[in-house]
Amino acid sequence: YEAEGFLAMRVVEQKYIHQQDLYHTLHIEIHEGPRSYLSGIMVDQFPALVYEGPLGVLTEQIRRKGKVVLDVEMLQEQRRWLLDHFRSKGYLQVDVAYELQGEPEHACLEWHVTPGPMTYFGKTVIQGLNAVPYELLGRELQYQEGNIWDSKKLQASLSRLKSLEVFSAIHMHPDHE
């Protein structure tokens, strides 16, 4: 029911009716409630994001059809996308929540995004290897101290260091001073 926009659906009554021997019938009475549709979408403080990723897809569907059935999975996908988007920009701590404004038949989806402080790469310390010069290892790092945090740069650095085949194990972790 949620996938079809019936967010207020509730079970009114359920009962088992004994038929004969081992046979029973389950009787379930539900109240669907109103079907919810979206006729608008916005991201407070970041209005351009409604044209990107899954938010952009929804914006285009609303533009073409006038309204779209509200689907809980769609909301989860958009939330994941917003979290990933802000984390890729260096905001590792970000709160994302939504609110539905208006009547269920033509609601506006409003995303509230509160990014925490921006995260930066700090000093890189390499321990346990004296045979390879630091300068050689440093060239394999895809980030520099002071750059905005980017997990893709960290993964690329890790891959490049592994490709040198001079380490038995590599561990990268933040130093919490």
Protein backbone atom coordinates (compact mmCIF):
# COMPACT_ATOMS: atom_id res chain seq x y z
CA TYR A 1 0.00 0.00 0.00
CA GLU A 2 2.83 2.42 0.82
CA ALA A 3 4.35 1.83 -2.63
CA GLU A 4 1.04 2.95 -4.13
CA GLY A 5 0.79 6.15 -2.10
CA PHE A 6 -1.50 4.95 0.69
CA LEU A 7 0.65 6.20 3.57
CA ALA A 8 -2.21 6.39 6.08
CA MET A 9 -3.37 2.80 5.49
CA ARG A 10 -4.22 0.95 8.68
CA VAL A 11 -5.61 -2.43 9.64
CA VAL A 12 -9.06 -1.94 11.18
CA GLU A 13 -9.78 -5.56 12.06
CA GLN A 14 -8.24 -8.98 11.65
CA LYS A 15 -9.74 -12.27 12.69
CA TYR A 16 -9.28 -15.95 12.07
CA ILE A 17 -12.38 -17.88 11.07
CA HIS A 18 -12.32 -21.62 11.68
CA GLN A 19 -13.71 -23.45 8.65
CA GLN A 20 -13.18 -27.18 9.20
CA ASP A 21 -10.42 -29.43 10.50
CA LEU A 22 -7.12 -27.63 9.79
CA TYR A 23 -8.57 -24.94 7.56
CA HIS A 24 -8.91 -21.35 8.65
CA THR A 25 -9.71 -18.13 6.90
CA LEU A 26 -7.95 -14.90 7.76
CA HIS A 27 -10.27 -11.93 7.47
CA ILE A 28 -8.49 -8.56 7.33
CA GLU A 29 -10.33 -5.27 7.08
CA ILE A 30 -8.26 -2.25 6.14
CA HIS A 31 -8.81 1.46 5.75
CA GLU A 32 -6.71 2.73 2.86
CA GLY A 33 -6.96 6.40 3.70
CA PRO A 34 -6.32 8.98 1.00
CA ARG A 35 -3.82 8.28 -1.75
CA SER A 36 -0.88 10.67 -1.54
CA TYR A 37 0.49 12.50 -4.56
CA LEU A 38 3.37 14.91 -4.98
CA SER A 39 2.88 18.03 -7.04
CA GLY A 40 6.09 19.77 -6.00
CA ILE A 41 9.53 19.26 -4.53
CA MET A 42 12.03 21.59 -2.90
CA VAL A 43 15.27 21.46 -0.91
CA ASP A 44 15.47 24.34 1.53
CA GLN A 45 18.74 26.28 1.27
CA PHE A 46 19.78 24.23 -1.80
CA PRO A 47 17.09 24.84 -4.47
CA ALA A 48 19.26 23.74 -7.43
CA LEU A 49 19.40 20.17 -6.09
CA VAL A 50 15.84 19.50 -7.31
CA TYR A 51 17.36 19.21 -10.81
CA GLU A 52 19.97 16.58 -9.87
CA GLY A 53 19.95 12.83 -9.27
CA PRO A 54 16.67 11.18 -8.28
CA LEU A 55 15.27 14.57 -7.23
CA GLY A 56 15.73 15.72 -10.83
CA VAL A 57 13.90 12.65 -12.11
CA LEU A 58 10.96 13.41 -9.80
CA THR A 59 10.98 17.10 -10.77
CA GLU A 60 10.75 16.13 -14.45
CA GLN A 61 7.92 13.61 -13.79
CA ILE A 62 5.94 16.27 -11.92
CA ARG A 63 6.56 18.77 -14.73
CA ARG A 64 5.23 16.29 -17.32
CA LYS A 65 2.33 14.72 -15.36
CA GLY A 66 1.34 17.44 -12.88
CA LYS A 67 1.56 15.05 -9.93
CA VAL A 68 3.20 11.72 -9.03
CA VAL A 69 2.16 8.99 -6.58
CA LEU A 70 4.15 9.35 -3.36
CA ASP A 71 6.27 6.23 -2.87
CA VAL A 72 8.17 5.52 0.36
CA GLU A 73 11.01 3.79 -1.54
CA MET A 74 11.40 6.93 -3.65
CA LEU A 75 11.78 8.97 -0.46
CA GLN A 76 14.43 6.57 0.85
CA GLU A 77 16.34 6.73 -2.44
CA GLN A 78 16.28 10.53 -2.43
CA ARG A 79 17.44 10.65 1.19
CA ARG A 80 20.36 8.31 0.41
CA TRP A 81 21.28 10.43 -2.60
CA LEU A 82 21.23 13.66 -0.56
CA LEU A 83 23.41 12.08 2.15
CA ASP A 84 25.91 10.81 -0.45
CA HIS A 85 25.89 14.14 -2.27
CA PHE A 86 26.78 16.16 0.82
CA ARG A 87 29.29 13.61 2.08
CA SER A 88 31.07 13.73 -1.28
CA LYS A 89 31.34 17.50 -0.81
CA GLY A 90 33.15 17.09 2.53
CA TYR A 91 30.19 17.18 4.92
CA LEU A 92 30.56 13.86 6.72
CA GLN A 93 27.95 14.81 9.31
CA VAL A 94 24.71 15.79 7.64
CA ASP A 95 21.09 15.57 8.75
CA VAL A 96 18.46 14.96 6.07
CA ALA A 97 14.72 14.89 6.77
CA TYR A 98 11.59 15.52 4.76
CA GLU A 99 8.26 17.15 5.39
CA LEU A 100 5.06 16.94 3.35
CA GLN A 101 3.29 20.27 2.95
CA GLY A 102 -0.34 20.54 1.88
CA GLU A 103 -3.09 18.00 1.32
CA PRO A 104 -2.31 14.34 0.50
CA GLU A 105 -3.87 14.67 -2.97
CA HIS A 106 -1.32 17.31 -4.01
CA ALA A 107 1.45 17.58 -1.43
CA CYS A 108 4.78 19.31 -1.81
CA LEU A 109 7.84 17.36 -0.68
CA GLU A 110 10.21 19.60 1.24
CA TRP A 111 13.68 18.31 2.09
CA HIS A 112 15.49 19.82 5.08
CA VAL A 113 19.25 19.42 4.86
CA THR A 114 21.56 20.52 7.67
CA PRO A 115 25.21 19.95 6.83
CA GLY A 116 27.59 19.74 9.77
CA PRO A 117 31.08 21.20 9.66
CA MET A 118 33.13 20.56 6.54
CA THR A 119 35.82 17.90 6.95
CA TYR A 120 39.35 18.27 5.60
CA PHE A 121 42.26 15.93 5.08
CA GLY A 122 44.83 16.35 7.80
CA LYS A 123 48.47 15.40 8.02
CA THR A 124 49.33 11.95 6.61
CA VAL A 125 51.66 9.84 8.72
CA ILE A 126 53.20 6.71 7.24
CA GLN A 127 54.58 4.26 9.78
CA GLY A 128 56.42 0.97 9.70
CA LEU A 129 58.26 1.21 6.38
CA ASN A 130 61.77 2.62 6.10
CA ALA A 131 62.84 0.98 2.82
CA VAL A 132 60.65 3.18 0.59
CA PRO A 133 61.19 6.95 0.60
CA TYR A 134 58.25 9.01 1.86
CA GLU A 135 58.37 11.13 -1.32
CA LEU A 136 57.60 8.06 -3.43
CA LEU A 137 54.68 7.11 -1.22
CA GLY A 138 53.48 10.71 -1.05
CA ARG A 139 53.19 10.82 -4.87
CA GLU A 140 50.65 8.00 -4.68
CA LEU A 141 48.32 10.00 -2.43
CA GLN A 142 45.47 11.61 -4.36
CA TYR A 143 44.90 14.30 -1.73
CA GLN A 144 46.92 16.84 0.17
CA GLU A 145 46.66 18.13 3.70
CA GLY A 146 43.96 20.79 3.82
CA ASN A 147 41.93 19.41 0.87
CA ILE A 148 38.22 18.94 1.43
CA TRP A 149 37.47 15.35 2.46
CA ASP A 150 36.64 13.09 -0.48
CA SER A 151 36.24 9.34 0.07
CA LYS A 152 36.95 8.70 -3.63
CA LYS A 153 40.38 10.33 -3.30
CA LEU A 154 41.04 8.23 -0.22
CA GLN A 155 40.06 5.02 -2.04
CA ALA A 156 42.17 5.98 -5.06
CA SER A 157 45.16 6.62 -2.77
CA LEU A 158 44.68 3.26 -1.09
CA SER A 159 44.53 1.48 -4.46
CA ARG A 160 47.68 3.22 -5.70
CA LEU A 161 49.59 2.36 -2.53
CA LYS A 162 48.52 -1.29 -2.79
CA SER A 163 49.63 -1.40 -6.43
CA LEU A 164 53.22 -0.67 -5.31
CA GLU A 165 53.24 -4.18 -3.79
CA VAL A 166 55.60 -3.17 -0.97
CA PHE A 167 53.06 -3.47 1.85
CA SER A 168 51.76 -6.62 3.51
CA ALA A 169 48.82 -4.58 4.87
CA ILE A 170 47.62 -1.01 4.64
CA HIS A 171 45.39 0.66 7.20
CA MET A 172 44.14 4.22 6.82
CA HIS A 173 42.29 5.89 9.64
CA PRO A 174 41.74 9.38 11.01
CA ASP A 175 43.78 10.58 13.93
CA HIS A 176 41.42 12.07 16.50
CA GLU A 177 43.50 14.56 18.44
